[in-house]
Amino acid sequence: MAALHDRSVTEGEPMEELNQTTSAHFVAFGRRKILACVCVVDAKQHLRQFLSDAVEEFGLLTADCAGADDIDERLERQPTDLVVLGLSAGGQEAARVLTRLAARGFAGQVLLWGPKDSSALAALRQLGEELDLALLPDLTTPFGTEALRNRLAPLLPVDGPPRAPVDVAEALKAGWLELWYQHKVDVHSLAPRGAEATLRMRHPSWGVVAPSSLLADERDPQSHALSSFVLQTAMDDWHFFLGRSGPLDLSINLPAAFLTNATGVDDLCRLLPAHPAFPGLTVEVDGADIAAHFEPLREVARRVRFHNVAVTVDNLGVDWPALMDLERFPFVEIKVDRNFVNGCADDRLKRNVCRSIAELAAGYGARAIAEGVDSRADLLTIRELGFDLAQGSLFGQPVQARKFARARFNRALPQ
């Protein structure tokens, strides 16, 4: 069964005990073994969301609540190392929160967040000290990334998130899996041209992990269930994006085993939105899978086109000659493996592979996509080589659906 292996957790230690134990108990010799949780408390939802997003950028877990009436329930639900307390509701409500924390014997730290030179902020600090709470230096607005990092420094992981065995069935049942989204960008205009959904695991103790080993192979009995989850979630998110910022061209990754399964294509078509604004779905299939199962996948690609679904050849590299000189090529895109795109500006071998695949795509009338564009030099190179679309950190990392929707909405606003 697919698993994420952990070097930090003692072998044989019960997983249930780890999940139920406050992360602060797992700090040894200055090295945190389980990620910390930060609870953001503020009356205004958009401020809670803003600060939670900023904290999550450092890889920490987050929770939030509006004020004193909710703080007990929130802390009971999630063991918490740090409470970040905003002042949008005024000093009195914040004082109630501090009093509640002291009454429950809160053993974590408290970070006050508010305007610089605020008399309310000074009064709250004095109250927190009188209540014997562990107060960090105040986070005054406006603040930058480094100021926030300095406040969170004791909580940040040293070696990245620890990893312990988690199989697909456990992750699905617990609801730990979600999809994050990354823009595809037109190489010439740099305008967004849809997005790819990528799988993430949000573990209750370890935070967000990119679970590459959860991508079960065709022998894993949970492979079909995982693919169904990806498909259903992507379609649910499409409706969410539609309501927030308009229709969006989406790409998802599915294994060949799902598409060639007796019910795979039927399951795929059944879940597609019936909404008139739905522009269609692109399914990315690994290039090695397509080369190994070309005839059945070519038939799948031909069949799903009648349902507004297109199939892309994903992660193609030096094995690109296997797709040459084919009589029928029903795949709409060829995406180059990121390992050949990243650094192609300075590497002749990578550049030659990229050029060959771009020419292969052009010969079939398919779009060429470069994944892993992380520098301006690589962008200029793939543009010269004839690529149509690009993805990479140069245009933004994958983010969760609500953050992606906000970014699309803000980009659409007039400047």
Protein backbone atom coordinates (compact mmCIF):
# COMPACT_ATOMS: atom_id res chain seq x y z
CA MET A 1 0.00 0.00 0.00
CA ALA A 2 1.27 3.50 -0.81
CA ALA A 3 2.88 5.11 2.23
CA LEU A 4 4.78 8.17 3.41
CA HIS A 5 7.79 7.02 5.43
CA ASP A 6 8.86 8.79 8.63
CA ARG A 7 12.31 9.03 10.15
CA SER A 8 11.14 11.06 13.16
CA VAL A 9 8.48 8.84 14.73
CA THR A 10 9.62 5.89 16.81
CA GLU A 11 8.93 2.60 15.02
CA GLY A 12 5.91 0.87 16.45
CA GLU A 13 4.61 3.98 18.23
CA PRO A 14 0.78 4.01 18.01
CA MET A 15 -0.49 6.47 15.39
CA GLU A 16 -3.55 7.23 17.53
CA GLU A 17 -1.36 8.51 20.36
CA LEU A 18 0.56 10.78 17.99
CA ASN A 19 -2.60 12.27 16.52
CA GLN A 20 -4.05 13.00 19.97
CA THR A 21 -0.97 14.58 21.51
CA THR A 22 -0.24 18.29 21.53
CA SER A 23 2.55 19.06 19.10
CA ALA A 24 4.47 21.03 21.74
CA HIS A 25 5.17 17.72 23.51
CA PHE A 26 7.27 16.56 20.57
CA VAL A 27 9.99 19.21 20.70
CA ALA A 28 13.36 17.70 21.57
CA PHE A 29 16.81 19.32 21.46
CA GLY A 30 15.36 22.29 19.58
CA ARG A 31 14.02 20.09 16.77
CA ARG A 32 10.23 19.97 16.30
CA LYS A 33 8.91 16.55 15.26
CA ILE A 34 5.23 17.39 14.83
CA LEU A 35 4.04 20.63 13.23
CA ALA A 36 2.64 23.34 15.48
CA CYS A 37 -0.91 24.68 15.24
CA VAL A 38 -1.64 28.41 15.25
CA CYS A 39 -5.15 29.61 16.13
CA VAL A 40 -6.06 33.03 14.69
CA VAL A 41 -8.70 34.90 16.72
CA ASP A 42 -10.33 37.99 15.26
CA ALA A 43 -13.89 39.25 14.81
CA LYS A 44 -13.47 39.90 11.08
CA GLN A 45 -13.45 36.79 8.91
CA HIS A 46 -11.38 38.33 6.11
CA LEU A 47 -8.64 39.30 8.58
CA ARG A 48 -8.60 35.78 10.02
CA GLN A 49 -8.33 34.41 6.50
CA PHE A 50 -5.51 36.80 5.59
CA LEU A 51 -3.38 35.91 8.59
CA SER A 52 -4.15 32.18 8.35
CA ASP A 53 -2.95 32.20 4.74
CA ALA A 54 0.22 34.03 5.78
CA VAL A 55 0.92 31.51 8.56
CA GLU A 56 0.27 28.53 6.28
CA GLU A 57 2.97 29.84 3.92
CA PHE A 58 5.46 28.75 6.61
CA GLY A 59 4.05 25.22 6.62
CA LEU A 60 2.20 25.43 9.95
CA LEU A 61 -1.29 24.19 10.77
CA THR A 62 -3.95 26.84 11.32
CA ALA A 63 -7.35 27.16 12.97
CA ASP A 64 -9.47 30.23 13.63
CA CYS A 65 -12.40 31.60 15.60
CA ALA A 66 -14.21 34.92 16.02
CA GLY A 67 -13.80 35.57 19.74
CA ALA A 68 -14.13 34.51 23.37
CA ASP A 69 -17.43 32.67 22.88
CA ASP A 70 -15.76 30.26 20.42
CA ILE A 71 -12.24 29.92 21.80
CA ASP A 72 -12.88 27.00 24.16
CA GLU A 73 -14.50 24.84 21.50
CA ARG A 74 -11.74 25.60 18.99
CA LEU A 75 -8.92 24.76 21.39
CA GLU A 76 -10.68 21.54 22.43
CA ARG A 77 -10.95 20.51 18.81
CA GLN A 78 -7.30 21.16 17.91
CA PRO A 79 -4.32 21.20 20.32
CA THR A 80 -2.82 24.66 19.85
CA ASP A 81 0.69 26.04 20.36
CA LEU A 82 0.08 29.71 19.55
CA VAL A 83 -2.97 31.99 19.66
CA VAL A 84 -2.74 35.07 17.43
CA LEU A 85 -5.19 37.64 18.78
CA GLY A 86 -6.40 40.53 16.62
CA LEU A 87 -8.08 43.72 17.83
CA SER A 88 -10.70 44.35 15.15
CA ALA A 89 -13.55 43.94 17.68
CA GLY A 90 -11.87 46.30 20.14
CA GLY A 91 -9.86 45.83 23.32
CA GLN A 92 -12.72 44.52 25.45
CA GLU A 93 -13.37 41.43 23.31
CA ALA A 94 -9.65 40.70 23.10
CA ALA A 95 -9.44 41.03 26.88
CA ARG A 96 -12.22 38.44 27.20
CA VAL A 97 -10.19 36.06 25.05
CA LEU A 98 -7.10 36.50 27.22
CA THR A 99 -9.20 35.89 30.33
CA ARG A 100 -10.65 32.69 28.83
CA LEU A 101 -7.16 31.45 27.90
CA ALA A 102 -5.92 32.02 31.45
CA ALA A 103 -9.00 30.36 32.96
CA ARG A 104 -8.43 27.17 30.95
CA GLY A 105 -4.72 27.11 31.81
CA PHE A 106 -3.58 27.63 28.22
CA ALA A 107 0.06 26.50 28.10
CA GLY A 108 0.89 27.83 24.63
CA GLN A 109 2.02 31.30 23.58
CA VAL A 110 -0.02 34.37 22.65
CA LEU A 111 0.79 36.86 19.91
CA LEU A 112 -1.08 40.18 19.99
CA TRP A 113 -1.73 41.68 16.55
CA GLY A 114 -2.74 45.32 16.10
CA PRO A 115 -1.82 48.88 15.13
CA LYS A 116 1.53 50.24 16.22
CA ASP A 117 1.42 52.57 19.28
CA SER A 118 -2.16 51.46 20.05
CA SER A 119 -3.15 52.12 23.67
CA ALA A 120 -5.46 49.07 23.50
CA LEU A 121 -2.52 46.90 22.47
CA ALA A 122 -0.47 48.16 25.41
CA ALA A 123 -3.37 47.52 27.81
CA LEU A 124 -3.82 43.97 26.51
CA ARG A 125 -0.13 43.23 26.93
CA GLN A 126 -0.33 44.40 30.54
CA LEU A 127 -3.41 42.20 31.12
CA GLY A 128 -1.72 39.19 29.54
CA GLU A 129 1.30 39.61 31.80
CA GLU A 130 -0.95 39.92 34.87
CA LEU A 131 -2.71 36.68 33.82
CA ASP A 132 0.70 35.00 33.52
CA LEU A 133 0.23 34.15 29.84
CA ALA A 134 3.30 33.57 27.65
CA LEU A 135 3.30 36.65 25.37
CA LEU A 136 5.46 36.99 22.28
CA PRO A 137 6.59 40.46 21.11
CA ASP A 138 3.61 42.19 19.50
CA LEU A 139 3.02 41.91 15.75
CA THR A 140 2.20 45.48 14.77
CA THR A 141 0.60 46.52 11.50
CA PRO A 142 1.67 46.92 8.81
CA PHE A 143 4.05 43.96 8.99
CA GLY A 144 6.18 42.11 6.47
CA THR A 145 7.08 38.47 5.91
CA GLU A 146 10.25 38.66 8.00
CA ALA A 147 8.43 40.17 10.98
CA LEU A 148 5.92 37.30 10.94
CA ARG A 149 8.67 34.71 10.45
CA ASN A 150 10.54 36.08 13.47
CA ARG A 151 7.45 35.70 15.66
CA LEU A 152 6.82 32.14 14.43
CA ALA A 153 10.47 31.06 14.50
CA PRO A 154 10.23 28.80 17.60
CA LEU A 155 7.38 26.87 15.96
CA LEU A 156 8.89 26.33 12.52
CA PRO A 157 9.99 22.79 11.55
CA VAL A 158 13.69 22.23 11.13
CA ASP A 159 13.78 19.27 8.75
CA GLY A 160 10.44 19.74 7.01
CA PRO A 161 7.28 17.80 7.83
CA PRO A 162 7.85 14.36 9.35
CA ARG A 163 6.35 11.44 7.50
CA ALA A 164 4.83 8.26 8.88
CA PRO A 165 2.98 5.47 7.10
CA VAL A 166 -0.35 6.70 5.70
CA ASP A 167 -2.16 4.58 3.14
CA VAL A 168 -4.68 5.74 0.59
CA ALA A 169 -7.68 4.23 2.36
CA GLU A 170 -6.79 5.98 5.63
CA ALA A 171 -6.28 9.35 3.95
CA LEU A 172 -9.58 9.09 2.03
CA LYS A 173 -11.58 7.98 5.05
CA ALA A 174 -10.13 10.70 7.30
CA GLY A 175 -10.75 13.46 4.74
CA TRP A 176 -7.10 14.51 4.64
CA LEU A 177 -6.87 14.86 0.86
CA GLU A 178 -7.62 17.99 -1.14
CA LEU A 179 -6.75 19.54 -4.48
CA TRP A 180 -4.57 22.61 -4.96
CA TYR A 181 -4.43 24.58 -8.21
CA GLN A 182 -1.68 26.11 -10.33
CA HIS A 183 -2.16 28.38 -13.34
CA LYS A 184 -1.25 27.42 -16.86
CA VAL A 185 0.03 30.53 -18.64
CA ASP A 186 0.22 31.53 -22.30
CA VAL A 187 3.93 31.69 -23.13
CA HIS A 188 3.57 34.78 -25.33
CA SER A 189 0.93 36.92 -23.60
CA LEU A 190 1.54 35.55 -20.06
CA ALA A 191 -2.25 35.48 -19.63
CA PRO A 192 -3.76 32.64 -17.54
CA ARG A 193 -5.05 29.75 -19.65
CA GLY A 194 -6.63 27.43 -17.13
CA ALA A 195 -5.24 25.54 -14.16
CA GLU A 196 -3.99 22.11 -13.16
CA ALA A 197 -5.29 20.38 -10.03
CA THR A 198 -2.60 18.76 -7.89
CA LEU A 199 -3.15 16.43 -4.93
CA ARG A 200 -2.21 17.46 -1.38
CA MET A 201 -2.63 15.80 2.02
CA ARG A 202 -3.52 18.00 5.02
CA HIS A 203 -2.58 15.81 7.96
CA PRO A 204 -3.89 16.89 11.39
CA SER A 205 -0.39 16.75 12.88
CA TRP A 206 2.02 17.32 9.99
CA GLY A 207 0.31 20.01 7.97
CA VAL A 208 0.20 20.07 4.19
CA VAL A 209 2.23 17.38 2.43
CA ALA A 210 2.53 16.73 -1.29
CA PRO A 211 1.75 12.98 -1.16
CA SER A 212 3.52 11.73 -4.28
CA SER A 213 3.61 8.22 -2.84
CA LEU A 214 -0.17 8.28 -2.44
CA LEU A 215 -0.53 8.19 -6.20
CA ALA A 216 -1.38 4.50 -6.12
CA ASP A 217 -0.34 2.27 -9.02
CA GLU A 218 -2.76 0.04 -10.90
CA ARG A 219 -2.14 -2.87 -8.51
CA ASP A 220 -3.34 -0.86 -5.51
CA PRO A 221 -7.00 -1.64 -4.75
CA GLN A 222 -7.47 1.99 -3.69
CA SER A 223 -6.29 3.38 -7.03
CA HIS A 224 -9.81 3.69 -8.47
CA ALA A 225 -11.15 5.29 -5.27
CA LEU A 226 -8.34 7.87 -5.28
CA SER A 227 -8.96 8.73 -8.93
CA SER A 228 -12.70 9.09 -8.25
CA PHE A 229 -11.90 11.44 -5.37
CA VAL A 230 -9.71 13.63 -7.61
CA LEU A 231 -12.38 13.76 -10.30
CA GLN A 232 -15.29 14.50 -7.93
CA THR A 233 -13.35 17.15 -6.01
CA ALA A 234 -12.20 18.89 -9.17
CA MET A 235 -15.77 19.10 -10.44
CA ASP A 236 -16.99 20.44 -7.08
CA ASP A 237 -14.21 23.02 -7.14
CA TRP A 238 -15.12 23.99 -10.70
CA HIS A 239 -18.60 24.98 -9.47
CA PHE A 240 -16.94 26.91 -6.63
CA PHE A 241 -14.70 28.81 -9.07
CA LEU A 242 -17.67 29.50 -11.33
CA GLY A 243 -19.51 31.24 -8.49
CA ARG A 244 -16.48 33.22 -7.36
CA SER A 245 -14.66 34.28 -10.51
CA GLY A 246 -16.23 32.68 -13.57
CA PRO A 247 -15.65 29.45 -15.57
CA LEU A 248 -12.19 27.90 -15.60
CA ASP A 249 -10.47 25.36 -17.84
CA LEU A 250 -9.31 22.59 -15.51
CA SER A 251 -6.77 19.80 -15.91
CA ILE A 252 -6.55 16.77 -13.64
CA ASN A 253 -4.18 13.81 -13.48
CA LEU A 254 -5.58 10.30 -13.84
CA PRO A 255 -3.72 7.00 -14.25
CA ALA A 256 -4.12 4.84 -17.34
CA ALA A 257 -5.58 2.10 -15.14
CA PHE A 258 -8.58 4.28 -14.27
CA LEU A 259 -9.33 5.26 -17.86
CA THR A 260 -8.96 1.74 -19.24
CA ASN A 261 -11.03 0.22 -16.43
CA ALA A 262 -14.41 -1.11 -17.55
CA THR A 263 -16.26 1.67 -15.69
CA GLY A 264 -13.61 4.41 -15.67
CA VAL A 265 -14.78 6.43 -18.67
CA ASP A 266 -18.42 6.09 -17.64
CA ASP A 267 -17.55 7.37 -14.15
CA LEU A 268 -15.63 10.25 -15.69
CA CYS A 269 -18.44 11.33 -18.01
CA ARG A 270 -21.11 10.93 -15.33
CA LEU A 271 -19.40 13.45 -13.04
CA LEU A 272 -18.94 16.19 -15.63
CA PRO A 273 -20.96 19.38 -14.95
CA ALA A 274 -24.05 19.89 -17.09
CA HIS A 275 -23.67 23.66 -16.73
CA PRO A 276 -23.67 25.55 -20.07
CA ALA A 277 -20.54 27.47 -19.03
CA PHE A 278 -18.49 24.30 -18.52
CA PRO A 279 -15.60 24.58 -21.04
CA GLY A 280 -14.57 20.95 -20.82
CA LEU A 281 -11.98 18.97 -18.87
CA THR A 282 -8.41 18.03 -19.69
CA VAL A 283 -7.14 14.71 -18.35
CA GLU A 284 -3.36 14.37 -18.06
CA VAL A 285 -1.94 10.84 -18.40
CA ASP A 286 1.71 10.03 -17.79
CA GLY A 287 3.67 9.71 -21.02
CA ALA A 288 5.16 6.36 -19.98
CA ASP A 289 1.62 5.01 -19.44
CA ILE A 290 0.53 6.24 -22.87
CA ALA A 291 3.55 4.67 -24.55
CA ALA A 292 2.91 1.36 -22.76
CA HIS A 293 -0.86 1.29 -23.38
CA PHE A 294 -1.11 3.36 -26.53
CA GLU A 295 -3.94 1.62 -28.38
CA PRO A 296 -6.46 1.43 -25.49
CA LEU A 297 -5.64 5.01 -24.42
CA ARG A 298 -5.95 6.27 -27.97
CA GLU A 299 -9.43 4.73 -28.07
CA VAL A 300 -10.26 6.34 -24.71
CA ALA A 301 -9.08 9.74 -25.98
CA ARG A 302 -11.22 9.36 -29.11
CA ARG A 303 -14.26 8.31 -27.09
CA VAL A 304 -14.16 11.05 -24.43
CA ARG A 305 -13.82 13.83 -26.99
CA PHE A 306 -17.54 13.44 -27.65
CA HIS A 307 -18.09 14.32 -23.96
CA ASN A 308 -15.97 17.51 -24.04
CA VAL A 309 -12.97 15.81 -22.44
CA ALA A 310 -9.45 16.04 -23.87
CA VAL A 311 -6.42 13.88 -23.01
CA THR A 312 -2.90 15.23 -22.56
CA VAL A 313 0.42 13.36 -22.69
CA ASP A 314 2.07 14.27 -19.37
CA ASN A 315 5.71 14.13 -18.15
CA LEU A 316 7.23 13.31 -21.54
CA GLY A 317 11.03 13.19 -21.62
CA VAL A 318 13.71 11.28 -23.51
CA ASP A 319 11.19 8.59 -24.44
CA TRP A 320 9.45 11.02 -26.83
CA PRO A 321 10.51 9.02 -29.96
CA ALA A 322 7.98 6.33 -28.93
CA LEU A 323 5.25 8.74 -30.06
CA MET A 324 6.69 9.56 -33.49
CA ASP A 325 5.14 8.68 -36.85
CA LEU A 326 1.71 7.68 -35.56
CA GLU A 327 -1.20 7.68 -37.99
CA ARG A 328 -3.72 9.03 -35.48
CA PHE A 329 -2.83 11.21 -32.51
CA PRO A 330 -5.98 12.21 -30.57
CA PHE A 331 -4.11 13.86 -27.67
CA VAL A 332 -4.51 17.64 -27.51
CA GLU A 333 -1.39 18.54 -25.54
CA ILE A 334 2.09 17.22 -24.84
CA LYS A 335 3.63 18.32 -21.55
CA VAL A 336 7.39 18.09 -21.07
CA ASP A 337 8.72 16.58 -17.86
CA ARG A 338 9.73 19.41 -15.51
CA ASN A 339 13.20 17.87 -15.09
CA PHE A 340 13.96 18.79 -18.71
CA VAL A 341 12.38 22.25 -18.57
CA ASN A 342 13.98 23.47 -15.35
CA GLY A 343 17.40 24.83 -16.29
CA CYS A 344 16.95 24.30 -20.04
CA ALA A 345 18.31 27.78 -20.72
CA ASP A 346 21.78 26.66 -19.61
CA ASP A 347 21.74 22.95 -20.51
CA ARG A 348 22.08 21.86 -24.14
CA LEU A 349 20.73 18.32 -23.57
CA LYS A 350 17.61 19.60 -21.81
CA ARG A 351 17.11 22.22 -24.52
CA ASN A 352 17.37 19.60 -27.28
CA VAL A 353 14.77 17.38 -25.57
CA CYS A 354 12.43 20.35 -25.17
CA ARG A 355 12.90 21.36 -28.81
CA SER A 356 12.20 17.83 -30.06
CA ILE A 357 8.99 17.54 -28.03
CA ALA A 358 7.79 20.99 -29.11
CA GLU A 359 8.34 19.99 -32.74
CA LEU A 360 6.59 16.65 -32.13
CA ALA A 361 3.55 18.47 -30.73
CA ALA A 362 3.49 20.95 -33.61
CA GLY A 363 3.61 18.10 -36.11
CA TYR A 364 0.48 16.59 -34.60
CA GLY A 365 -1.31 19.92 -34.19
CA ALA A 366 -1.15 19.61 -30.39
CA ARG A 367 -0.18 22.25 -27.86
CA ALA A 368 3.25 22.01 -26.22
CA ILE A 369 3.37 22.71 -22.48
CA ALA A 370 6.48 23.32 -20.38
CA GLU A 371 6.16 22.42 -16.70
CA GLY A 372 8.74 23.59 -14.17
CA VAL A 373 9.40 27.08 -15.54
CA ASP A 374 11.03 28.70 -12.51
CA SER A 375 13.18 31.41 -14.10
CA ARG A 376 12.85 34.13 -16.72
CA ALA A 377 15.74 32.59 -18.68
CA ASP A 378 13.86 29.29 -19.00
CA LEU A 379 10.70 31.15 -20.02
CA LEU A 380 12.53 32.95 -22.83
CA THR A 381 14.06 29.65 -23.95
CA ILE A 382 10.81 27.71 -24.17
CA ARG A 383 9.20 30.66 -25.96
CA GLU A 384 11.96 30.51 -28.60
CA LEU A 385 11.52 26.73 -28.87
CA GLY A 386 7.86 27.10 -29.84
CA PHE A 387 5.98 26.17 -26.67
CA ASP A 388 2.40 27.34 -26.23
CA LEU A 389 1.79 27.12 -22.47
CA ALA A 390 3.89 27.08 -19.32
CA GLN A 391 3.60 26.25 -15.62
CA GLY A 392 6.02 26.85 -12.80
CA SER A 393 6.93 28.85 -9.73
CA LEU A 394 7.73 31.84 -11.95
CA PHE A 395 3.96 32.26 -12.26
CA GLY A 396 3.01 31.03 -8.79
CA GLN A 397 3.02 27.85 -6.72
CA PRO A 398 -0.06 25.60 -6.41
CA VAL A 399 -2.49 26.94 -3.79
CA GLN A 400 -5.69 25.68 -2.22
CA ALA A 401 -8.98 26.34 -4.00
CA ARG A 402 -10.24 29.30 -1.96
CA LYS A 403 -6.90 31.13 -2.29
CA PHE A 404 -6.76 30.38 -6.01
CA ALA A 405 -10.30 31.76 -6.43
CA ARG A 406 -9.40 34.97 -4.61
CA ALA A 407 -6.31 35.43 -6.76
CA ARG A 408 -8.39 34.99 -9.95
CA PHE A 409 -10.99 37.47 -8.69
CA ASN A 410 -8.40 40.09 -7.77
CA ARG A 411 -6.64 39.66 -11.10
CA ALA A 412 -9.92 40.27 -12.89
CA LEU A 413 -10.49 43.62 -11.15
CA PRO A 414 -9.65 46.76 -13.16
CA GLN A 415 -6.27 48.23 -12.31
